Protein backbone atom coordinates (compact mmCIF):
# COMPACT_ATOMS: atom_id res chain seq x y z
CA MET A 1 105.66 -26.17 177.54
CA LYS A 2 103.93 -23.63 175.36
CA ARG A 3 105.78 -21.45 172.88
CA LEU A 4 105.50 -17.84 172.12
CA LEU A 5 105.72 -16.51 168.46
CA VAL A 6 106.74 -12.92 168.15
CA LYS A 7 106.93 -10.90 164.88
CA PRO A 8 108.88 -7.74 165.32
CA GLN A 9 108.16 -4.86 163.00
CA THR A 10 111.68 -3.81 162.30
CA LYS A 11 115.17 -5.37 162.05
CA GLU A 12 116.17 -3.30 165.16
CA GLN A 13 113.33 -4.81 167.24
CA LEU A 14 114.46 -8.32 166.13
CA LYS A 15 117.90 -7.64 167.19
CA VAL A 16 116.89 -6.26 170.57
CA LEU A 17 114.58 -9.16 171.23
CA LYS A 18 117.16 -11.74 170.25
CA GLU A 19 119.60 -10.14 172.60
CA LEU A 20 117.09 -9.95 175.42
CA PHE A 21 116.16 -13.61 175.01
CA LYS A 22 119.83 -14.65 174.84
CA GLU A 23 120.44 -12.84 178.17
CA MET A 24 117.48 -14.64 179.63
CA GLY A 25 118.77 -17.94 178.38
CA VAL A 26 115.73 -18.46 176.21
CA ALA A 27 116.32 -20.37 172.92
CA THR A 28 115.20 -18.40 169.78
CA PHE A 29 114.62 -19.42 166.20
CA THR A 30 114.21 -17.25 163.26
CA ILE A 31 111.69 -18.36 160.61
CA SER A 32 110.54 -16.76 157.45
CA ASP A 33 107.07 -15.26 156.87
CA GLU A 34 106.28 -18.18 154.54
CA ASN A 35 107.13 -20.78 157.30
CA SER A 36 105.10 -18.72 159.76
CA GLU A 37 102.08 -18.97 157.46
CA ASP A 38 102.62 -22.72 157.07
CA ILE A 39 102.60 -23.11 160.94
CA GLY A 40 99.43 -21.00 161.24
CA MET A 41 97.72 -23.26 158.62
CA ARG A 42 98.73 -26.37 160.36
CA VAL A 43 97.17 -24.97 163.67
CA VAL A 44 93.94 -24.21 161.79
CA MET A 45 93.92 -27.62 160.18
CA ASN A 46 94.42 -29.32 163.54
CA ARG A 47 91.34 -27.61 164.92
CA VAL A 48 89.00 -28.74 162.12
CA ASP A 49 86.08 -30.88 162.99
CA ARG A 50 86.85 -34.25 161.33
CA THR A 51 83.76 -36.08 162.54
CA LYS A 52 81.61 -34.89 159.70
CA LYS A 53 81.83 -36.60 156.31
CA VAL A 54 80.90 -35.04 153.00
CA SER A 55 80.06 -36.92 149.94
CA ARG A 56 82.20 -36.71 146.78
CA LYS A 57 79.08 -35.49 144.87
CA ALA A 58 78.64 -32.61 147.31
CA ILE A 59 82.27 -31.54 146.89
CA MET A 60 82.15 -31.70 143.16
CA LYS A 61 78.91 -29.61 143.11
CA LYS A 62 80.75 -26.88 145.21
CA LEU A 63 83.62 -26.95 142.71
CA THR A 64 81.49 -26.45 139.70
């Protein structure tokens, strides 16, 4: 099953949404902005093309 991530803009919106989901019997979890960013980074990392290889020399050249 897919999931839905919702970011309310106010504490009141958060409260209303949590109450609505509770009435609907939908499980909710509250996460911090930092954890949300971590999840987003994980999604991006999972989409990366890992078939291409880069030499250590090329990486070091970019870093200098």
